[in-house]
Amino acid sequence: MTPADAFLARGAMLRGIRSAPSRFGTHPPALWLGSREIAHLHRDEVDVRLTRVGIRALRAELLSDARIERRRPSSDWVRIRLRGEADVERALELTRTAIRRNRGRGAV
């Protein structure tokens, strides 16, 4: 099982999460919280929707982690490189944060 496969399988088991096609095109299945997409894959990377407020709150932590890339200044998303188990754990940790940050934002 690749790290990306492991992330999707374990992410889909998080409370309140379901796996369904991404609204952003041809990505593999995405992770959804209600009607809000909170994670999707790009081969061996995952985009996680932390929200702009969440990204600001975690700014120093995110900047200090070389596996994490900010998409662009106005984006709700960060990208995490998935190479091994530690990366999968980090991505799942940020997905749990995304769940908390996205509750009540269309995530019914």
C-alpha atoms as a PDB file:
ATOM      1  CA  MET A   1       0.000   0.000   0.000  1.00  0.00           C
ATOM      2  CA  THR A   2       1.405   3.396  -0.966  1.00  0.00           C
ATOM      3  CA  PRO A   3       1.458   6.279   1.519  1.00  0.00           C
ATOM      4  CA  ALA A   4      -1.303   7.963  -0.537  1.00  0.00           C
ATOM      5  CA  ASP A   5      -3.460   4.817  -0.338  1.00  0.00           C
ATOM      6  CA  ALA A   6      -2.813   4.582   3.406  1.00  0.00           C
ATOM      7  CA  PHE A   7      -3.813   8.225   3.880  1.00  0.00           C
ATOM      8  CA  LEU A   8      -7.095   7.757   1.993  1.00  0.00           C
ATOM      9  CA  ALA A   9      -7.969   4.513   3.771  1.00  0.00           C
ATOM     10  CA  ARG A  10      -7.233   5.863   7.244  1.00  0.00           C
ATOM     11  CA  GLY A  11      -8.667   9.308   6.520  1.00  0.00           C
ATOM     12  CA  ALA A  12     -11.971   7.789   5.406  1.00  0.00           C
ATOM     13  CA  MET A  13     -12.272   6.158   8.857  1.00  0.00           C
ATOM     14  CA  LEU A  14     -12.139   9.492  10.724  1.00  0.00           C
ATOM     15  CA  ARG A  15     -15.371  10.435  12.454  1.00  0.00           C
ATOM     16  CA  GLY A  16     -17.756  12.320  10.179  1.00  0.00           C
ATOM     17  CA  ILE A  17     -15.670  11.752   7.029  1.00  0.00           C
ATOM     18  CA  ARG A  18     -16.791  10.062   3.838  1.00  0.00           C
ATOM     19  CA  SER A  19     -14.907   9.261   0.661  1.00  0.00           C
ATOM     20  CA  ALA A  20     -16.385  10.520  -2.626  1.00  0.00           C
ATOM     21  CA  PRO A  21     -15.149  11.918  -5.955  1.00  0.00           C
ATOM     22  CA  SER A  22     -13.346  15.245  -5.742  1.00  0.00           C
ATOM     23  CA  ARG A  23     -15.089  18.353  -7.004  1.00  0.00           C
ATOM     24  CA  PHE A  24     -11.745  19.472  -8.433  1.00  0.00           C
ATOM     25  CA  GLY A  25     -11.583  17.128 -11.395  1.00  0.00           C
ATOM     26  CA  THR A  26      -9.785  13.875 -11.881  1.00  0.00           C
ATOM     27  CA  HIS A  27      -8.265  13.387  -8.435  1.00  0.00           C
ATOM     28  CA  PRO A  28      -8.724  10.014  -6.747  1.00  0.00           C
ATOM     29  CA  PRO A  29     -11.512   9.922  -4.184  1.00  0.00           C
ATOM     30  CA  ALA A  30     -11.493  12.885  -1.838  1.00  0.00           C
ATOM     31  CA  LEU A  31     -12.367  13.149   1.839  1.00  0.00           C
ATOM     32  CA  TRP A  32     -15.540  15.053   2.625  1.00  0.00           C
ATOM     33  CA  LEU A  33     -17.019  16.478   5.810  1.00  0.00           C
ATOM     34  CA  GLY A  34     -20.688  16.932   4.989  1.00  0.00           C
ATOM     35  CA  SER A  35     -20.836  18.985   1.802  1.00  0.00           C
ATOM     36  CA  ARG A  36     -17.288  20.330   2.162  1.00  0.00           C
ATOM     37  CA  GLU A  37     -14.258  18.683   0.569  1.00  0.00           C
ATOM     38  CA  ILE A  38     -11.419  18.754   3.077  1.00  0.00           C
ATOM     39  CA  ALA A  39      -8.682  16.632   1.437  1.00  0.00           C
ATOM     40  CA  HIS A  40      -7.720  15.236  -1.957  1.00  0.00           C
ATOM     41  CA  LEU A  41      -4.646  13.646  -3.495  1.00  0.00           C
ATOM     42  CA  HIS A  42      -2.172  14.655  -6.176  1.00  0.00           C
ATOM     43  CA  ARG A  43      -0.207  11.423  -6.736  1.00  0.00           C
ATOM     44  CA  ASP A  44       2.126  11.405  -3.709  1.00  0.00           C
ATOM     45  CA  GLU A  45       0.892  14.643  -2.131  1.00  0.00           C
ATOM     46  CA  VAL A  46      -2.325  15.551  -0.346  1.00  0.00           C
ATOM     47  CA  ASP A  47      -4.078  18.909  -0.214  1.00  0.00           C
ATOM     48  CA  VAL A  48      -5.789  19.582   3.123  1.00  0.00           C
ATOM     49  CA  ARG A  49      -8.287  22.406   3.635  1.00  0.00           C
ATOM     50  CA  LEU A  50      -7.196  24.019   6.892  1.00  0.00           C
ATOM     51  CA  THR A  51      -8.962  27.342   6.133  1.00  0.00           C
ATOM     52  CA  ARG A  52      -7.132  30.667   5.992  1.00  0.00           C
ATOM     53  CA  VAL A  53      -7.775  31.283   9.691  1.00  0.00           C
ATOM     54  CA  GLY A  54      -6.406  27.833  10.530  1.00  0.00           C
ATOM     55  CA  ILE A  55      -3.331  28.393   8.387  1.00  0.00           C
ATOM     56  CA  ARG A  56      -2.677  31.732  10.112  1.00  0.00           C
ATOM     57  CA  ALA A  57      -3.048  30.081  13.535  1.00  0.00           C
ATOM     58  CA  LEU A  58      -0.559  27.325  12.601  1.00  0.00           C
ATOM     59  CA  ARG A  59       1.736  29.521  10.503  1.00  0.00           C
ATOM     60  CA  ALA A  60       4.986  28.988  12.436  1.00  0.00           C
ATOM     61  CA  GLU A  61       4.395  25.242  12.758  1.00  0.00           C
ATOM     62  CA  LEU A  62       3.571  24.864   9.064  1.00  0.00           C
ATOM     63  CA  LEU A  63       6.545  26.951   7.919  1.00  0.00           C
ATOM     64  CA  SER A  64       8.922  24.848  10.022  1.00  0.00           C
ATOM     65  CA  ASP A  65       7.827  21.577   8.356  1.00  0.00           C
ATOM     66  CA  ALA A  66       9.589  20.997   5.015  1.00  0.00           C
ATOM     67  CA  ARG A  67       6.887  18.496   3.961  1.00  0.00           C
ATOM     68  CA  ILE A  68       4.249  21.235   3.888  1.00  0.00           C
ATOM     69  CA  GLU A  69       3.692  23.812   1.167  1.00  0.00           C
ATOM     70  CA  ARG A  70       1.252  26.705   1.297  1.00  0.00           C
ATOM     71  CA  ARG A  71      -0.747  26.753  -1.934  1.00  0.00           C
ATOM     72  CA  ARG A  72      -1.005  30.555  -2.227  1.00  0.00           C
ATOM     73  CA  PRO A  73      -1.626  33.380   0.259  1.00  0.00           C
ATOM     74  CA  SER A  74      -5.407  33.527  -0.221  1.00  0.00           C
ATOM     75  CA  SER A  75      -5.919  29.744  -0.211  1.00  0.00           C
ATOM     76  CA  ASP A  76      -7.624  27.578   2.411  1.00  0.00           C
ATOM     77  CA  TRP A  77      -5.354  24.681   1.404  1.00  0.00           C
ATOM     78  CA  VAL A  78      -1.902  23.346   2.252  1.00  0.00           C
ATOM     79  CA  ARG A  79      -0.103  20.526   0.420  1.00  0.00           C
ATOM     80  CA  ILE A  80       1.702  17.757   2.301  1.00  0.00           C
ATOM     81  CA  ARG A  81       4.284  15.469   0.702  1.00  0.00           C
ATOM     82  CA  LEU A  82       3.585  11.760   1.357  1.00  0.00           C
ATOM     83  CA  ARG A  83       6.731   9.622   1.266  1.00  0.00           C
ATOM     84  CA  GLY A  84       6.370   7.379   4.314  1.00  0.00           C
ATOM     85  CA  GLU A  85       4.417   6.556   7.465  1.00  0.00           C
ATOM     86  CA  ALA A  86       5.515   9.719   9.320  1.00  0.00           C
ATOM     87  CA  ASP A  87       4.174  11.831   6.444  1.00  0.00           C
ATOM     88  CA  VAL A  88       0.862   9.947   6.509  1.00  0.00           C
ATOM     89  CA  GLU A  89       0.594  10.560  10.271  1.00  0.00           C
ATOM     90  CA  ARG A  90       1.306  14.277   9.772  1.00  0.00           C
ATOM     91  CA  ALA A  91      -1.286  14.518   6.996  1.00  0.00           C
ATOM     92  CA  LEU A  92      -3.880  12.755   9.172  1.00  0.00           C
ATOM     93  CA  GLU A  93      -3.089  15.113  12.059  1.00  0.00           C
ATOM     94  CA  LEU A  94      -3.695  18.100   9.775  1.00  0.00           C
ATOM     95  CA  THR A  95      -6.866  16.458   8.441  1.00  0.00           C
ATOM     96  CA  ARG A  96      -8.169  16.208  12.017  1.00  0.00           C
ATOM     97  CA  THR A  97      -7.407  19.927  12.394  1.00  0.00           C
ATOM     98  CA  ALA A  98      -9.240  20.557   9.098  1.00  0.00           C
ATOM     99  CA  ILE A  99     -12.281  18.704  10.450  1.00  0.00           C
ATOM    100  CA  ARG A 100     -12.379  21.004  13.482  1.00  0.00           C
ATOM    101  CA  ARG A 101     -11.785  24.129  11.365  1.00  0.00           C
ATOM    102  CA  ASN A 102     -14.417  23.254   8.744  1.00  0.00           C
ATOM    103  CA  ARG A 103     -17.296  22.231  11.016  1.00  0.00           C
ATOM    104  CA  GLY A 104     -20.116  24.707  10.493  1.00  0.00           C
ATOM    105  CA  ARG A 105     -18.664  25.992   7.191  1.00  0.00           C
ATOM    106  CA  GLY A 106     -20.983  24.118   4.881  1.00  0.00           C
ATOM    107  CA  ALA A 107     -19.901  20.896   6.538  1.00  0.00           C
ATOM    108  CA  VAL A 108     -23.317  19.675   7.566  1.00  0.00           C
END
